[in-house]
Amino acid sequence: MEWAWWSQAANLKTLGLLIFFVTFCLIVLWLYSNKDRSARLEEQKNIPFLDEERDQEAKDKSNG
C-alpha cells in the first residue's frame, strides 16, 4: 500500500509538524497583516498593567 504513506508513524510525525507549523505561520500573518488589528493589539498589550496603576492610586488615596 504505497498510497497510505501517512499510516507509518515516522511520516505521520513529519506531516503533523508541517501542518501545525503552517497553521502557526498563517495565524501570525493574519494577526499582523491588517494595520487596524495590529494597532489594536499594540493598544491592548498593556491592559494587564492598568489594574496595577489603579490599585496603586487607590492605595495612595487611602494612605493619605
Protein backbone atom coordinates (compact mmCIF):
# COMPACT_ATOMS: atom_id res chain seq x y z
CA MET A 1 0.00 0.00 0.00
CA GLU A 2 2.17 2.80 -1.22
CA TRP A 3 -0.69 5.27 -1.26
CA ALA A 4 -1.04 5.04 2.53
CA TRP A 5 2.35 6.58 3.32
CA TRP A 6 0.81 8.60 6.18
CA SER A 7 -0.02 5.40 8.07
CA GLN A 8 3.62 4.99 9.10
CA ALA A 9 4.47 6.72 12.39
CA ALA A 10 7.62 8.45 11.11
CA ASN A 11 5.76 10.02 8.19
CA LEU A 12 2.80 10.99 10.35
CA LYS A 13 5.03 12.94 12.78
CA THR A 14 6.55 14.92 9.93
CA LEU A 15 3.16 15.60 8.39
CA GLY A 16 1.76 16.73 11.74
CA LEU A 17 4.71 19.04 12.32
CA LEU A 18 4.29 20.61 8.89
CA ILE A 19 0.55 21.10 9.37
CA PHE A 20 0.98 22.78 12.76
CA PHE A 21 3.88 24.95 11.57
CA VAL A 22 1.99 26.18 8.51
CA THR A 23 -1.09 26.84 10.66
CA PHE A 24 1.00 28.82 13.16
CA CYS A 25 2.59 30.89 10.38
CA LEU A 26 -0.80 31.63 8.83
CA ILE A 27 -2.21 32.77 12.18
CA VAL A 28 0.76 35.08 12.77
CA LEU A 29 0.45 36.53 9.27
CA TRP A 30 -3.29 37.03 9.75
CA LEU A 31 -2.73 38.81 13.07
CA TYR A 32 -0.11 41.26 11.87
CA SER A 33 -1.16 41.81 8.26
CA ASN A 34 -4.03 44.18 8.99
CA LYS A 35 -2.92 47.64 10.21
CA ASP A 36 -6.08 48.20 12.27
CA ARG A 37 -5.71 44.86 14.01
CA SER A 38 -2.03 45.48 14.62
CA ALA A 39 -2.72 48.89 16.17
CA ARG A 40 -5.44 47.40 18.35
CA LEU A 41 -3.07 44.67 19.55
CA GLU A 42 -0.44 47.28 20.40
CA GLU A 43 -3.06 49.18 22.38
CA GLN A 44 -4.23 46.10 24.25
CA LYS A 45 -0.80 44.79 25.23
CA ASN A 46 -0.71 46.98 28.35
CA ILE A 47 -4.15 46.03 29.68
CA PRO A 48 -2.76 43.79 32.48
CA PHE A 49 -0.76 46.70 33.86
CA LEU A 50 -3.72 49.09 34.04
CA ASP A 51 -5.10 47.31 37.10
CA GLU A 52 -1.79 47.76 38.92
CA GLU A 53 -1.86 51.51 38.29
CA ARG A 54 -5.44 51.76 39.57
CA ASP A 55 -4.58 49.69 42.64
CA GLN A 56 -1.59 51.91 43.36
CA GLU A 57 -3.71 55.06 43.01
CA ALA A 58 -6.31 53.63 45.38
CA LYS A 59 -3.60 52.78 47.95
CA ASP A 60 -2.15 56.27 47.66
CA LYS A 61 -5.57 57.85 48.26
CA SER A 62 -6.31 55.62 51.26
CA ASN A 63 -2.90 56.27 52.84
CA GLY A 64 -3.35 59.95 52.75
